Amino acid sequence: MDKAYTRPTIRARELRANATDAERRLWSILSARKLAGVRFNRQVPIGPFICDFVSRSAKLIIEVDGGQHDANHDADAQRTRYLEAQGYRVIRFWNNEVMQNLEGVAYTIQRALADMPSPDPSREREGS
């Protein structure tokens, strides 16, 4: 095996340990099912990519982008197409959005979750 290769799970663990301020701030509202009762995980490998926040049950990926992503627009678009082909919806926020308007970011995520079909109809309560 090539020594330069890093297994995605190892890299994801490194990214969790070295989260940006914006990622830590967003995690403060996503962790422990705080937002709409939905479980999110941080730095989740999906195919060749490691996604910032993922709800597998809701099939929702949340990406928090710094300035480098402005220059990598084509790569981000290709990444989004791949993730959408895997059945996920991808929403992106800039670091400054998370830092300056966390309430608005939370609202946008809640709206995205509300607009999505229930992941498992058998889990819905009878008569609701």
C-alpha atoms as a PDB file:
ATOM      1  CA  MET A   1       0.000   0.000   0.000  1.00  0.00           C
ATOM      2  CA  ASP A   2       1.190   3.513  -0.822  1.00  0.00           C
ATOM      3  CA  LYS A   3       2.469   5.275   2.321  1.00  0.00           C
ATOM      4  CA  ALA A   4       1.019   8.590   1.080  1.00  0.00           C
ATOM      5  CA  TYR A   5      -2.478   7.070   1.189  1.00  0.00           C
ATOM      6  CA  THR A   6      -4.453   7.899   4.344  1.00  0.00           C
ATOM      7  CA  ARG A   7      -7.543   5.821   5.069  1.00  0.00           C
ATOM      8  CA  PRO A   8     -10.677   7.992   5.016  1.00  0.00           C
ATOM      9  CA  THR A   9     -11.564   7.093   8.603  1.00  0.00           C
ATOM     10  CA  ILE A  10      -8.136   8.194   9.831  1.00  0.00           C
ATOM     11  CA  ARG A  11      -8.386  11.466   7.893  1.00  0.00           C
ATOM     12  CA  ALA A  12     -11.940  12.030   9.172  1.00  0.00           C
ATOM     13  CA  ARG A  13     -10.713  11.555  12.756  1.00  0.00           C
ATOM     14  CA  GLU A  14      -7.971  14.141  12.118  1.00  0.00           C
ATOM     15  CA  LEU A  15     -10.517  16.605  10.721  1.00  0.00           C
ATOM     16  CA  ARG A  16     -12.807  16.138  13.739  1.00  0.00           C
ATOM     17  CA  ALA A  17      -9.883  16.846  16.062  1.00  0.00           C
ATOM     18  CA  ASN A  18      -8.932  19.979  14.088  1.00  0.00           C
ATOM     19  CA  ALA A  19     -12.358  21.476  13.403  1.00  0.00           C
ATOM     20  CA  THR A  20     -12.605  25.101  12.323  1.00  0.00           C
ATOM     21  CA  ASP A  21     -14.305  27.642  14.586  1.00  0.00           C
ATOM     22  CA  ALA A  22     -17.323  27.633  12.253  1.00  0.00           C
ATOM     23  CA  GLU A  23     -17.538  23.829  12.323  1.00  0.00           C
ATOM     24  CA  ARG A  24     -17.372  23.789  16.135  1.00  0.00           C
ATOM     25  CA  ARG A  25     -20.057  26.460  16.331  1.00  0.00           C
ATOM     26  CA  LEU A  26     -22.382  24.597  13.962  1.00  0.00           C
ATOM     27  CA  TRP A  27     -21.722  21.308  15.775  1.00  0.00           C
ATOM     28  CA  SER A  28     -22.925  22.976  18.990  1.00  0.00           C
ATOM     29  CA  ILE A  29     -26.454  23.038  17.521  1.00  0.00           C
ATOM     30  CA  LEU A  30     -26.317  19.789  15.541  1.00  0.00           C
ATOM     31  CA  SER A  31     -24.874  17.446  18.170  1.00  0.00           C
ATOM     32  CA  ALA A  32     -27.013  15.246  20.400  1.00  0.00           C
ATOM     33  CA  ARG A  33     -30.053  15.587  18.108  1.00  0.00           C
ATOM     34  CA  LYS A  34     -30.524  19.221  19.202  1.00  0.00           C
ATOM     35  CA  LEU A  35     -31.873  20.325  15.827  1.00  0.00           C
ATOM     36  CA  ALA A  36     -35.258  18.817  14.923  1.00  0.00           C
ATOM     37  CA  GLY A  37     -34.323  15.609  16.765  1.00  0.00           C
ATOM     38  CA  VAL A  38     -32.159  14.527  13.841  1.00  0.00           C
ATOM     39  CA  ARG A  39     -28.842  12.760  14.354  1.00  0.00           C
ATOM     40  CA  PHE A  40     -25.807  14.229  12.601  1.00  0.00           C
ATOM     41  CA  ASN A  41     -22.248  12.949  12.497  1.00  0.00           C
ATOM     42  CA  ARG A  42     -19.117  14.992  11.800  1.00  0.00           C
ATOM     43  CA  GLN A  43     -16.519  14.382   9.109  1.00  0.00           C
ATOM     44  CA  VAL A  44     -18.151  11.362   7.497  1.00  0.00           C
ATOM     45  CA  PRO A  45     -16.494   9.567   4.576  1.00  0.00           C
ATOM     46  CA  ILE A  46     -18.867   9.073   1.639  1.00  0.00           C
ATOM     47  CA  GLY A  47     -17.145   7.597  -1.372  1.00  0.00           C
ATOM     48  CA  PRO A  48     -13.944   9.538  -2.023  1.00  0.00           C
ATOM     49  CA  PHE A  49     -15.112  12.562   0.003  1.00  0.00           C
ATOM     50  CA  ILE A  50     -15.242  13.466   3.678  1.00  0.00           C
ATOM     51  CA  CYS A  51     -18.348  15.501   4.425  1.00  0.00           C
ATOM     52  CA  ASP A  52     -18.505  18.027   7.267  1.00  0.00           C
ATOM     53  CA  PHE A  53     -21.887  17.008   8.739  1.00  0.00           C
ATOM     54  CA  VAL A  54     -24.113  14.139   7.650  1.00  0.00           C
ATOM     55  CA  SER A  55     -27.526  12.906   8.677  1.00  0.00           C
ATOM     56  CA  ARG A  56     -27.703   9.448   7.171  1.00  0.00           C
ATOM     57  CA  SER A  57     -31.367   9.012   8.148  1.00  0.00           C
ATOM     58  CA  ALA A  58     -32.402  12.300   6.514  1.00  0.00           C
ATOM     59  CA  LYS A  59     -29.891  11.879   3.654  1.00  0.00           C
ATOM     60  CA  LEU A  60     -28.687  15.440   4.277  1.00  0.00           C
ATOM     61  CA  ILE A  61     -25.121  16.723   4.052  1.00  0.00           C
ATOM     62  CA  ILE A  62     -24.118  20.111   5.423  1.00  0.00           C
ATOM     63  CA  GLU A  63     -20.852  21.607   4.217  1.00  0.00           C
ATOM     64  CA  VAL A  64     -19.168  24.607   5.866  1.00  0.00           C
ATOM     65  CA  ASP A  65     -16.893  26.314   3.395  1.00  0.00           C
ATOM     66  CA  GLY A  66     -14.005  28.703   3.874  1.00  0.00           C
ATOM     67  CA  GLY A  67     -12.600  31.083   1.278  1.00  0.00           C
ATOM     68  CA  GLN A  68     -10.679  28.321  -0.510  1.00  0.00           C
ATOM     69  CA  HIS A  69     -13.983  26.950  -1.815  1.00  0.00           C
ATOM     70  CA  ASP A  70     -14.643  30.118  -3.792  1.00  0.00           C
ATOM     71  CA  ALA A  71     -11.654  29.242  -5.976  1.00  0.00           C
ATOM     72  CA  ASN A  72     -12.648  25.547  -6.127  1.00  0.00           C
ATOM     73  CA  HIS A  73     -16.186  26.078  -7.407  1.00  0.00           C
ATOM     74  CA  ASP A  74     -15.915  23.440 -10.167  1.00  0.00           C
ATOM     75  CA  ALA A  75     -14.514  20.811  -7.791  1.00  0.00           C
ATOM     76  CA  ASP A  76     -17.270  21.573  -5.268  1.00  0.00           C
ATOM     77  CA  ALA A  77     -19.927  21.263  -7.991  1.00  0.00           C
ATOM     78  CA  GLN A  78     -18.496  17.881  -9.047  1.00  0.00           C
ATOM     79  CA  ARG A  79     -18.426  16.759  -5.412  1.00  0.00           C
ATOM     80  CA  THR A  80     -22.059  17.844  -4.926  1.00  0.00           C
ATOM     81  CA  ARG A  81     -23.147  15.965  -8.069  1.00  0.00           C
ATOM     82  CA  TYR A  82     -21.454  12.802  -6.776  1.00  0.00           C
ATOM     83  CA  LEU A  83     -23.070  13.085  -3.330  1.00  0.00           C
ATOM     84  CA  GLU A  84     -26.486  13.793  -4.841  1.00  0.00           C
ATOM     85  CA  ALA A  85     -26.080  10.696  -7.035  1.00  0.00           C
ATOM     86  CA  GLN A  86     -25.650   8.763  -3.766  1.00  0.00           C
ATOM     87  CA  GLY A  87     -29.094  10.016  -2.701  1.00  0.00           C
ATOM     88  CA  TYR A  88     -28.027  12.920  -0.463  1.00  0.00           C
ATOM     89  CA  ARG A  89     -29.122  16.532  -0.510  1.00  0.00           C
ATOM     90  CA  VAL A  90     -26.184  18.921  -0.001  1.00  0.00           C
ATOM     91  CA  ILE A  91     -26.483  22.376   1.524  1.00  0.00           C
ATOM     92  CA  ARG A  92     -23.532  24.721   1.929  1.00  0.00           C
ATOM     93  CA  PHE A  93     -22.794  27.631   4.205  1.00  0.00           C
ATOM     94  CA  TRP A  94     -19.833  29.986   4.288  1.00  0.00           C
ATOM     95  CA  ASN A  95     -17.820  30.129   7.514  1.00  0.00           C
ATOM     96  CA  ASN A  96     -18.880  33.750   8.058  1.00  0.00           C
ATOM     97  CA  GLU A  97     -22.573  32.788   7.771  1.00  0.00           C
ATOM     98  CA  VAL A  98     -22.176  30.252  10.569  1.00  0.00           C
ATOM     99  CA  MET A  99     -20.176  32.651  12.732  1.00  0.00           C
ATOM    100  CA  GLN A 100     -22.413  35.708  12.213  1.00  0.00           C
ATOM    101  CA  ASN A 101     -25.876  34.203  11.721  1.00  0.00           C
ATOM    102  CA  LEU A 102     -26.090  30.814  13.443  1.00  0.00           C
ATOM    103  CA  GLU A 103     -29.831  31.251  14.014  1.00  0.00           C
ATOM    104  CA  GLY A 104     -30.410  31.781  10.288  1.00  0.00           C
ATOM    105  CA  VAL A 105     -28.241  28.776   9.428  1.00  0.00           C
ATOM    106  CA  ALA A 106     -30.203  26.629  11.910  1.00  0.00           C
ATOM    107  CA  TYR A 107     -33.477  27.817  10.371  1.00  0.00           C
ATOM    108  CA  THR A 108     -32.264  26.931   6.867  1.00  0.00           C
ATOM    109  CA  ILE A 109     -31.264  23.446   8.028  1.00  0.00           C
ATOM    110  CA  GLN A 110     -34.618  22.942   9.777  1.00  0.00           C
ATOM    111  CA  ARG A 111     -36.427  23.975   6.573  1.00  0.00           C
ATOM    112  CA  ALA A 112     -34.324  21.522   4.548  1.00  0.00           C
ATOM    113  CA  LEU A 113     -35.182  18.739   6.990  1.00  0.00           C
ATOM    114  CA  ALA A 114     -38.895  19.632   6.939  1.00  0.00           C
ATOM    115  CA  ASP A 115     -38.924  19.612   3.119  1.00  0.00           C
ATOM    116  CA  MET A 116     -37.519  16.089   2.970  1.00  0.00           C
ATOM    117  CA  PRO A 117     -39.668  12.966   2.979  1.00  0.00           C
ATOM    118  CA  SER A 118     -39.641  10.849   6.109  1.00  0.00           C
ATOM    119  CA  PRO A 119     -36.697   8.426   5.859  1.00  0.00           C
ATOM    120  CA  ASP A 120     -38.627   5.478   7.286  1.00  0.00           C
ATOM    121  CA  PRO A 121     -42.436   5.647   7.141  1.00  0.00           C
ATOM    122  CA  SER A 122     -42.698   2.675   9.530  1.00  0.00           C
ATOM    123  CA  ARG A 123     -41.190   4.860  12.288  1.00  0.00           C
ATOM    124  CA  GLU A 124     -44.006   7.416  12.070  1.00  0.00           C
ATOM    125  CA  ARG A 125     -46.660   7.142  14.765  1.00  0.00           C
ATOM    126  CA  GLU A 126     -50.079   5.801  13.850  1.00  0.00           C
ATOM    127  CA  GLY A 127     -52.655   8.532  13.296  1.00  0.00           C
ATOM    128  CA  SER A 128     -50.163  11.403  12.931  1.00  0.00           C
END
